[in-house]
Protein backbone atom coordinates (compact mmCIF):
# COMPACT_ATOMS: atom_id res chain seq x y z
CA MET A 1 -6.70 25.47 17.18
CA GLN A 2 -6.05 29.01 17.63
CA VAL A 3 -2.92 31.01 16.31
CA GLN A 4 -2.40 34.63 17.51
CA LEU A 5 0.29 36.75 15.16
CA ASN A 6 1.64 39.83 16.51
CA ILE A 7 2.17 42.62 13.04
CA ASN A 8 4.76 44.54 14.09
CA LYS A 9 8.73 45.50 13.08
CA GLU A 10 10.31 43.12 15.99
CA THR A 11 9.45 39.43 14.49
CA THR A 12 8.59 38.26 11.37
CA GLN A 13 5.13 36.09 11.06
CA LEU A 14 7.24 33.40 10.01
CA GLU A 15 9.34 33.61 13.56
CA GLN A 16 5.70 33.56 15.23
CA MET A 17 4.75 30.71 12.82
CA ALA A 18 7.89 28.33 13.63
CA ARG A 19 7.55 28.82 17.46
CA MET A 20 4.38 27.31 17.29
CA PHE A 21 4.80 24.76 15.39
CA GLY A 22 7.93 23.73 16.73
CA GLN A 23 10.33 23.53 13.34
CA GLU A 24 12.81 24.73 11.72
CA ILE A 25 13.13 27.63 9.63
CA VAL A 26 15.13 26.80 6.63
CA ASN A 27 16.42 29.59 3.79
CA ASN A 28 13.40 31.54 5.30
CA ARG A 29 11.02 28.82 4.29
CA LEU A 30 9.02 26.84 6.84
CA VAL A 31 7.74 23.71 6.15
CA ILE A 32 3.96 22.89 7.42
CA PRO A 33 3.89 19.98 9.70
CA GLU A 34 2.65 16.98 7.83
CA ALA A 35 -0.19 16.16 11.63
CA LEU A 36 -1.71 20.00 10.23
CA GLY A 37 -0.88 19.50 6.88
CA LYS A 38 1.13 20.31 3.63
CA GLY A 39 2.47 23.66 2.14
CA PHE A 40 5.05 26.21 3.29
CA ILE A 41 5.58 29.77 4.76
CA GLN A 42 8.63 31.62 2.21
CA TYR A 43 9.73 35.06 3.61
CA LEU A 44 11.22 37.80 1.81
CA ALA A 45 12.85 41.42 3.46
CA LEU A 46 12.49 43.84 1.02
CA PRO A 47 14.23 47.18 1.18
CA TYR A 48 12.23 50.33 3.08
CA GLY A 49 11.50 48.14 5.86
CA ILE A 50 8.95 45.80 3.55
CA GLN A 51 7.96 42.18 4.97
CA LEU A 52 6.97 39.55 2.44
CA HIS A 53 4.87 36.33 3.44
CA HIS A 54 4.25 34.08 0.78
CA TYR A 55 1.32 31.16 2.21
CA GLN A 56 1.07 27.90 0.45
CA TYR A 57 -1.06 25.33 2.20
CA ASN A 58 -3.98 22.70 2.33
CA LEU A 59 -4.69 21.60 6.21
CA LYS A 60 -6.16 19.02 7.67
CA HIS A 61 -7.33 20.90 10.43
CA LYS A 62 -9.32 24.24 11.00
CA ILE A 63 -7.04 26.91 12.03
CA GLU A 64 -8.09 30.35 13.39
CA VAL A 65 -6.12 32.97 13.36
CA GLN A 66 -5.84 36.69 14.64
CA GLY A 67 -3.90 39.23 13.69
CA LEU A 68 -3.25 41.82 16.43
CA ASN A 69 -2.05 45.28 14.61
CA GLU A 70 -1.41 47.63 16.76
CA GLU A 71 -1.93 51.69 16.27
CA GLU A 72 1.25 52.51 17.77
CA ASP A 73 3.48 50.03 16.72
CA GLY A 74 1.96 48.44 13.99
CA LEU A 75 2.53 48.12 10.43
CA TYR A 76 0.43 48.90 6.72
CA MET A 77 -0.58 45.42 5.13
CA ILE A 78 -1.54 44.40 1.74
CA ASN A 79 -3.24 40.85 1.97
CA VAL A 80 -3.38 39.84 -1.64
CA ASN A 81 -5.29 36.42 -1.70
CA LEU A 82 -4.62 34.03 -5.02
CA SER A 83 -6.85 31.41 -3.98
CA THR A 84 -8.84 29.77 -6.53
CA ARG A 85 -12.86 29.75 -6.19
CA THR A 86 -14.75 28.15 -8.79
CA LEU A 87 -18.36 28.62 -9.75
CA GLU A 88 -20.08 25.73 -11.61
CA LYS A 89 -22.70 27.00 -14.35
CA LYS A 90 -24.43 25.49 -17.18
CA ILE A 91 -24.94 27.95 -20.27
CA GLY A 92 -26.84 26.64 -23.40
CA ASP A 93 -25.40 22.77 -23.74
CA ASN A 94 -22.18 23.54 -21.74
CA GLN A 95 -21.45 22.98 -18.07
CA VAL A 96 -19.15 26.20 -17.37
CA SER A 97 -16.72 25.96 -14.47
CA LEU A 98 -15.41 29.56 -13.88
CA SER A 99 -12.31 30.55 -11.21
CA ARG A 100 -14.31 33.51 -9.22
CA ALA A 101 -15.94 35.85 -11.12
CA GLY A 102 -13.43 38.45 -10.26
CA GLY A 103 -10.05 39.16 -9.88
CA SER A 104 -7.81 37.81 -6.61
CA GLY A 105 -9.05 40.10 -3.56
CA VAL A 106 -6.60 41.96 -1.80
CA MET A 107 -6.94 43.79 1.65
CA PHE A 108 -5.13 47.27 2.49
CA TYR A 109 -5.11 47.95 6.08
CA SER A 110 -3.56 50.29 8.07
CA PRO A 111 -2.71 50.25 11.85
CA GLY A 112 -5.03 49.61 14.56
CA TYR A 113 -7.25 47.55 12.33
CA HIS A 114 -6.92 43.83 13.92
CA SER A 115 -7.80 40.57 11.16
CA ARG A 116 -9.22 37.49 11.63
CA GLY A 117 -9.94 34.88 9.73
CA HIS A 118 -9.87 30.76 9.39
CA ASN A 119 -9.36 27.60 6.64
CA GLU A 120 -11.31 25.90 5.56
CA VAL A 121 -10.32 21.80 5.41
CA ASN A 122 -8.57 19.95 2.80
CA LYS A 123 -8.67 23.44 0.72
CA ALA A 124 -5.44 24.68 -1.41
CA TYR A 125 -4.92 28.31 -0.04
CA GLU A 126 -2.25 30.69 -1.90
CA ILE A 127 -1.62 34.42 0.31
CA VAL A 128 0.54 36.79 0.14
CA PHE A 129 1.38 39.64 2.99
CA PHE A 130 2.73 42.47 2.25
CA ALA A 131 3.33 44.67 5.72
CA PHE A 132 5.91 47.74 5.94
CA PRO A 133 5.93 50.76 8.32
CA LYS A 134 4.46 54.19 8.44
CA GLU A 135 7.43 56.11 7.08
CA THR A 136 7.40 53.76 3.68
CA PHE A 137 3.77 54.38 3.30
CA GLU A 138 3.94 57.67 3.76
CA LEU A 139 7.50 57.83 1.21
CA LEU A 140 4.76 55.93 -1.13
CA THR A 141 2.20 58.33 -1.32
CA GLN A 142 3.92 61.43 -1.73
CA ASP A 143 3.85 60.02 -5.37
CA GLU A 144 1.27 62.61 -7.44
CA GLN A 145 -0.67 58.60 -8.85
CA LEU A 146 -1.13 57.97 -5.01
CA SER A 147 -2.76 61.35 -4.22
CA LYS A 148 -5.62 59.54 -3.54
CA MET A 149 -4.75 57.33 -0.47
CA PRO A 150 -5.86 58.44 2.59
CA THR A 151 -2.85 59.96 4.61
CA HIS A 152 -4.28 60.12 8.00
CA GLY A 153 -6.28 58.22 10.31
CA SER A 154 -7.22 54.36 9.97
CA PHE A 155 -8.80 52.41 7.16
CA CYS A 156 -9.85 49.52 5.32
CA MET A 157 -9.75 49.13 1.69
CA TYR A 158 -11.06 45.75 -0.75
CA HIS A 159 -9.88 45.75 -4.28
CA GLU A 160 -9.48 43.18 -7.17
CA LEU A 161 -6.46 42.67 -8.84
CA THR A 162 -6.88 43.54 -12.55
CA GLU A 163 -5.92 39.82 -14.71
CA PRO A 164 -2.30 41.33 -16.00
CA LEU A 165 -1.40 42.39 -12.50
CA GLU A 166 -2.90 38.89 -10.74
CA ASN A 167 -0.69 37.19 -13.51
CA ASP A 168 2.17 38.77 -13.31
CA LEU A 169 2.54 37.94 -9.83
CA ARG A 170 2.18 34.59 -9.83
CA ASN A 171 4.60 34.25 -12.43
CA ALA A 172 7.33 36.32 -10.48
CA LEU A 173 6.18 33.99 -7.27
CA ASN A 174 6.84 30.85 -9.33
CA PHE A 175 10.16 31.91 -11.03
CA GLN A 176 12.83 30.18 -9.50
CA ALA A 177 15.46 31.96 -11.97
CA GLU A 178 14.60 35.16 -10.21
CA LYS A 179 14.42 34.44 -6.94
CA ASN A 180 17.82 32.79 -6.81
CA ASN A 181 18.72 36.99 -8.18
CA ALA A 182 18.12 38.47 -4.60
CA PHE A 183 18.36 41.87 -5.86
CA VAL A 184 16.24 41.00 -8.83
CA TYR A 185 13.72 39.18 -7.10
CA GLN A 186 13.57 42.32 -4.63
CA GLY A 187 13.50 44.84 -7.15
CA ARG A 188 10.47 42.76 -9.25
CA MET A 189 8.50 42.61 -5.61
CA LEU A 190 8.59 46.09 -4.92
CA GLU A 191 7.55 46.95 -8.46
CA LEU A 192 4.39 44.91 -7.99
CA LEU A 193 3.91 45.64 -5.11
CA GLY A 194 4.12 49.70 -6.17
CA ARG A 195 1.40 48.69 -9.12
CA ILE A 196 -1.14 47.07 -6.49
CA ILE A 197 -0.88 50.31 -4.52
CA GLN A 198 -1.45 51.77 -7.40
CA GLU A 199 -4.83 50.07 -8.75
CA ILE A 200 -6.22 50.03 -5.07
CA SER A 201 -5.61 53.92 -5.27
CA GLU A 202 -7.54 54.65 -8.45
CA LYS A 203 -10.97 54.20 -6.54
CA GLU A 204 -12.81 56.69 -5.38
CA ARG A 205 -13.60 56.02 -1.56
CA ASN A 206 -15.43 57.11 1.46
CA THR A 207 -12.61 56.66 4.37
CA THR A 208 -14.09 58.95 6.80
CA THR A 209 -15.91 56.36 8.75
CA LYS A 210 -13.86 53.68 10.26
CA LEU A 211 -15.21 50.11 9.62
CA ASN A 212 -15.18 47.95 12.55
CA HIS A 213 -14.69 44.13 12.02
CA LYS A 214 -18.65 43.65 12.14
CA ASP A 215 -18.99 46.27 9.53
CA ILE A 216 -16.34 44.47 7.58
CA GLU A 217 -17.61 41.09 7.91
CA ARG A 218 -21.22 42.62 6.63
CA GLN A 219 -19.97 43.94 3.51
CA PHE A 220 -18.00 40.88 2.69
CA MET A 221 -21.92 38.91 3.29
CA VAL A 222 -23.22 41.30 0.63
CA LYS A 223 -20.11 40.51 -2.04
CA GLU A 224 -21.09 36.55 -1.42
CA ILE A 225 -25.17 37.59 -1.79
CA LEU A 226 -24.34 39.58 -5.00
CA LEU A 227 -22.11 36.88 -6.38
CA GLU A 228 -24.68 34.17 -5.50
CA HIS A 229 -26.70 35.91 -7.57
CA ILE A 230 -24.79 36.28 -10.73
CA PHE A 231 -26.63 34.34 -12.75
CA GLY A 232 -29.99 36.05 -12.26
CA GLN A 233 -30.98 39.06 -10.77
CA ALA A 234 -29.39 40.75 -7.36
CA PRO A 235 -31.49 41.79 -4.75
CA THR A 236 -32.87 45.78 -4.20
CA ILE A 237 -30.84 47.17 -1.68
CA ASP A 238 -33.80 47.34 0.66
CA GLN A 239 -34.16 43.57 0.34
CA LEU A 240 -30.32 43.53 1.83
CA ALA A 241 -30.25 45.95 4.16
CA GLN A 242 -33.38 44.21 5.90
CA LYS A 243 -31.86 40.77 5.24
CA LEU A 244 -28.38 42.12 7.32
CA GLY A 245 -29.93 44.22 9.83
CA VAL A 246 -29.21 47.19 8.83
CA SER A 247 -30.16 50.36 7.26
CA PRO A 248 -29.77 51.14 3.85
CA SER A 249 -28.04 53.88 3.75
CA LYS A 250 -25.49 52.82 5.93
CA LEU A 251 -25.07 49.72 3.54
CA LYS A 252 -24.55 51.61 0.55
CA SER A 253 -22.15 53.90 2.43
CA ASP A 254 -19.92 50.96 4.06
CA PHE A 255 -19.77 49.27 0.64
CA LYS A 256 -18.44 52.16 -0.92
CA SER A 257 -16.05 52.62 1.57
CA LEU A 258 -14.66 48.98 1.90
CA PHE A 259 -15.03 48.00 -2.16
CA GLY A 260 -14.82 51.48 -3.90
CA SER A 261 -17.86 51.11 -5.84
CA SER A 262 -20.89 51.31 -5.22
CA ILE A 263 -23.25 47.54 -4.98
CA TYR A 264 -24.92 48.19 -8.28
CA GLN A 265 -21.48 49.02 -9.98
CA TYR A 266 -19.73 46.06 -8.24
CA TYR A 267 -22.63 43.58 -9.45
CA LEU A 268 -22.31 44.84 -13.15
CA LYS A 269 -18.77 44.43 -13.23
CA GLN A 270 -18.75 40.94 -11.91
CA LYS A 271 -21.76 40.10 -14.50
CA MET A 272 -19.84 41.45 -17.31
CA GLU A 273 -16.54 39.61 -16.76
CA ILE A 274 -18.04 36.13 -16.58
CA ALA A 275 -19.72 37.66 -19.78
CA ARG A 276 -16.31 38.32 -21.15
CA LYS A 277 -15.24 35.25 -19.99
CA LEU A 278 -18.00 33.32 -21.45
CA LEU A 279 -17.63 34.61 -25.08
CA ALA A 280 -13.84 34.09 -24.83
CA GLU A 281 -14.04 30.55 -24.00
CA LYS A 282 -17.41 30.54 -26.57
CA LYS A 283 -19.21 28.79 -24.08
CA GLY A 284 -22.69 29.93 -25.91
CA THR A 285 -24.27 32.28 -28.56
CA VAL A 286 -24.47 35.91 -27.00
CA SER A 287 -28.82 35.21 -26.56
CA GLU A 288 -27.64 32.08 -24.65
CA ILE A 289 -25.10 34.30 -22.26
CA GLY A 290 -27.39 37.12 -21.64
CA TYR A 291 -30.29 35.29 -20.66
CA GLN A 292 -28.50 32.97 -18.53
CA LEU A 293 -26.83 36.56 -16.89
CA GLY A 294 -30.30 37.65 -16.00
CA TYR A 295 -31.69 39.69 -19.41
CA SER A 296 -33.97 39.35 -20.52
CA ASN A 297 -33.32 42.66 -23.25
CA ILE A 298 -30.69 41.11 -25.05
CA SER A 299 -30.39 44.40 -26.36
CA GLN A 300 -29.45 46.20 -23.00
CA PHE A 301 -27.11 43.04 -22.41
CA SER A 302 -25.23 44.46 -25.42
CA SER A 303 -25.14 48.10 -24.34
CA GLN A 304 -23.86 47.56 -20.39
CA PHE A 305 -21.62 45.24 -22.43
CA LYS A 306 -20.13 47.79 -25.06
CA LYS A 307 -19.85 50.52 -22.30
CA HIS A 308 -17.99 48.14 -20.16
CA PHE A 309 -15.29 47.02 -23.07
CA GLY A 310 -15.52 49.47 -25.97
CA GLN A 311 -17.12 46.50 -28.40
CA SER A 312 -20.20 44.86 -28.25
CA PRO A 313 -20.54 41.27 -27.59
CA ALA A 314 -20.58 40.21 -31.11
CA GLN A 315 -17.40 41.85 -31.34
CA PHE A 316 -15.82 40.98 -28.77
CA GLY A 317 -16.99 36.65 -29.54
């Protein structure tokens, strides 16, 4: 099944999905038809023309979705993927289940970027979309703290939320008492949107080159390859470039543009986050965890951990 959504001010995603599914909207909420699966889509109108859509679903069939976001009348989009991802690994004598190597992924893109994607069958998803017009984005970027954000041209950025912000967003989405008070709930969501944009803006990015869909897909392939090698050693830049059919310089430049860090910095950050989680849950000794993460020299592991978190693994554990 294929679904096409037009991202604009006139029609919400909720209204378009209701027409496609032949379902009635009740209290700004659309229930997924049983024939397709289970779940819902919730809509909230925020001040400054901001649209918020909250999706929770588990579908029986694959659905391909294309979002058409024209440059002239489109909206700025922030897509927060709160769906969990599990990574299984044995550390010492312990079987460890990790939910993602990093925080929830956020895609922030300007009008002119069309999105596309599909679900896996019988897998639970939770996604939040914030959409807002150009004048709202210009108002936001007047804040000195957001001075690094591009103020013209097309861009597409990826970010992983910090744990406190991710937890606050999850709690707000699930806190029914706040939802019953529209004024409080709107204020809470505006605050969270501001924090998301501020986190994204803190990274230095190369925004001079517009990434096309193929570029973006290629960089997410790089990300997946890095995460597959989180326990061990990552491929070299040359190996990645050869595998993906692109020059090393373009690979590095596009990755920095999308993710806001070098390939090595991203990989190291994910490795350190896994190490922190394993140590906090006492899933192995410092040496066991270091070796499993690909360090033959545990002093190097300890040094990088301390540089990242301000304390050694032994002190943290």
